[in-house]
């Protein structure tokens, strides 16, 4: 048996090309650098904000713990004085 024929459609349209100078081409590094600087700067800023918030949260928890301990000791002392 002969091999199956491969269908190749007729080409439509007209092929065209352009010639450009190397200096006319898009410079990826020149164009992308400001965008990358903005993205990296924003990511670092957001990370710093999150670290500060976490530190403040830890300090608040510690302050609440100390305040509760002080309040409980004062309550015990006033109860002893009343008794």
Protein backbone atom coordinates (compact mmCIF):
# COMPACT_ATOMS: atom_id res chain seq x y z
CA UNK A 1 0.00 0.00 0.00
CA UNK A 2 1.24 3.50 -0.74
CA UNK A 3 1.81 5.87 2.22
CA UNK A 4 -1.01 8.22 3.11
CA UNK A 5 -0.79 11.63 1.45
CA UNK A 6 -0.12 14.61 3.70
CA UNK A 7 -2.48 17.53 3.09
CA UNK A 8 -0.66 20.81 2.47
CA UNK A 9 -3.02 23.78 1.97
CA UNK A 10 -2.30 26.47 -0.57
CA UNK A 11 -0.71 29.59 0.90
CA UNK A 12 -2.91 32.68 1.12
CA UNK A 13 -1.72 36.24 1.31
CA UNK A 14 1.55 37.91 0.50
CA UNK A 15 4.77 37.47 2.47
CA UNK A 16 6.50 40.72 3.43
CA UNK A 17 9.57 41.59 5.44
CA UNK A 18 11.20 44.67 6.86
CA UNK A 19 14.76 45.67 7.45
CA UNK A 20 15.66 47.36 10.70
CA UNK A 21 18.86 48.60 12.16
CA UNK A 22 20.18 47.05 15.35
CA UNK A 23 19.78 50.40 17.14
CA UNK A 24 16.08 50.51 16.22
CA UNK A 25 15.35 47.26 18.05
CA UNK A 26 13.70 47.16 21.45
CA UNK A 27 16.26 47.24 24.30
CA UNK A 28 14.74 44.92 26.90
CA UNK A 29 17.14 45.76 29.72
CA UNK A 30 16.78 49.50 29.24
CA UNK A 31 12.98 49.31 29.14
CA UNK A 32 12.51 46.66 31.85
CA UNK A 33 14.88 48.05 34.49
CA UNK A 34 12.58 50.86 35.78
CA UNK A 35 9.66 48.44 36.01
CA UNK A 36 11.76 45.89 37.88
CA UNK A 37 13.11 48.56 40.22
CA UNK A 38 9.56 49.63 41.07
CA UNK A 39 8.42 46.03 41.65
CA UNK A 40 11.42 45.11 43.80
CA UNK A 41 11.20 48.37 45.74
CA UNK A 42 7.51 47.81 46.46
CA UNK A 43 8.14 44.20 47.53
CA UNK A 44 10.89 45.28 49.92
CA UNK A 45 8.73 48.08 51.31
CA UNK A 46 5.82 45.68 51.87
CA UNK A 47 8.14 43.17 53.57
CA UNK A 48 9.49 45.86 55.89
CA UNK A 49 5.95 46.92 56.80
CA UNK A 50 5.02 43.33 57.62
CA UNK A 51 8.11 42.89 59.82
CA UNK A 52 7.32 46.11 61.71
CA UNK A 53 3.70 45.05 62.20
CA UNK A 54 4.79 41.67 63.52
CA UNK A 55 7.21 43.31 65.97
CA UNK A 56 4.52 45.72 67.16
CA UNK A 57 2.09 42.82 67.60
CA UNK A 58 4.64 40.95 69.72
CA UNK A 59 5.29 44.03 71.85
CA UNK A 60 1.54 44.52 72.37
CA UNK A 61 1.11 40.90 73.47
CA UNK A 62 4.02 41.27 75.91
CA UNK A 63 2.61 44.53 77.27
CA UNK A 64 -0.81 42.96 77.78
CA UNK A 65 0.78 40.01 79.60
CA UNK A 66 2.70 42.31 81.95
CA UNK A 67 -0.36 44.49 82.54
CA UNK A 68 -2.51 41.45 83.36
CA UNK A 69 0.14 40.15 85.75
CA UNK A 70 0.41 43.54 87.48
CA UNK A 71 -3.37 43.87 87.73
CA UNK A 72 -3.75 40.40 89.22
CA UNK A 73 -1.01 41.05 91.79
CA UNK A 74 -2.69 44.33 92.79
CA UNK A 75 -6.05 42.56 93.15
CA UNK A 76 -4.49 39.90 95.36
CA UNK A 77 -2.85 42.58 97.48
CA UNK A 78 -6.11 44.51 97.95
CA UNK A 79 -7.91 41.27 98.86
CA UNK A 80 -5.29 40.52 101.54
CA UNK A 81 -5.63 43.99 102.98
CA UNK A 82 -9.43 43.68 103.17
CA UNK A 83 -9.27 40.30 104.89
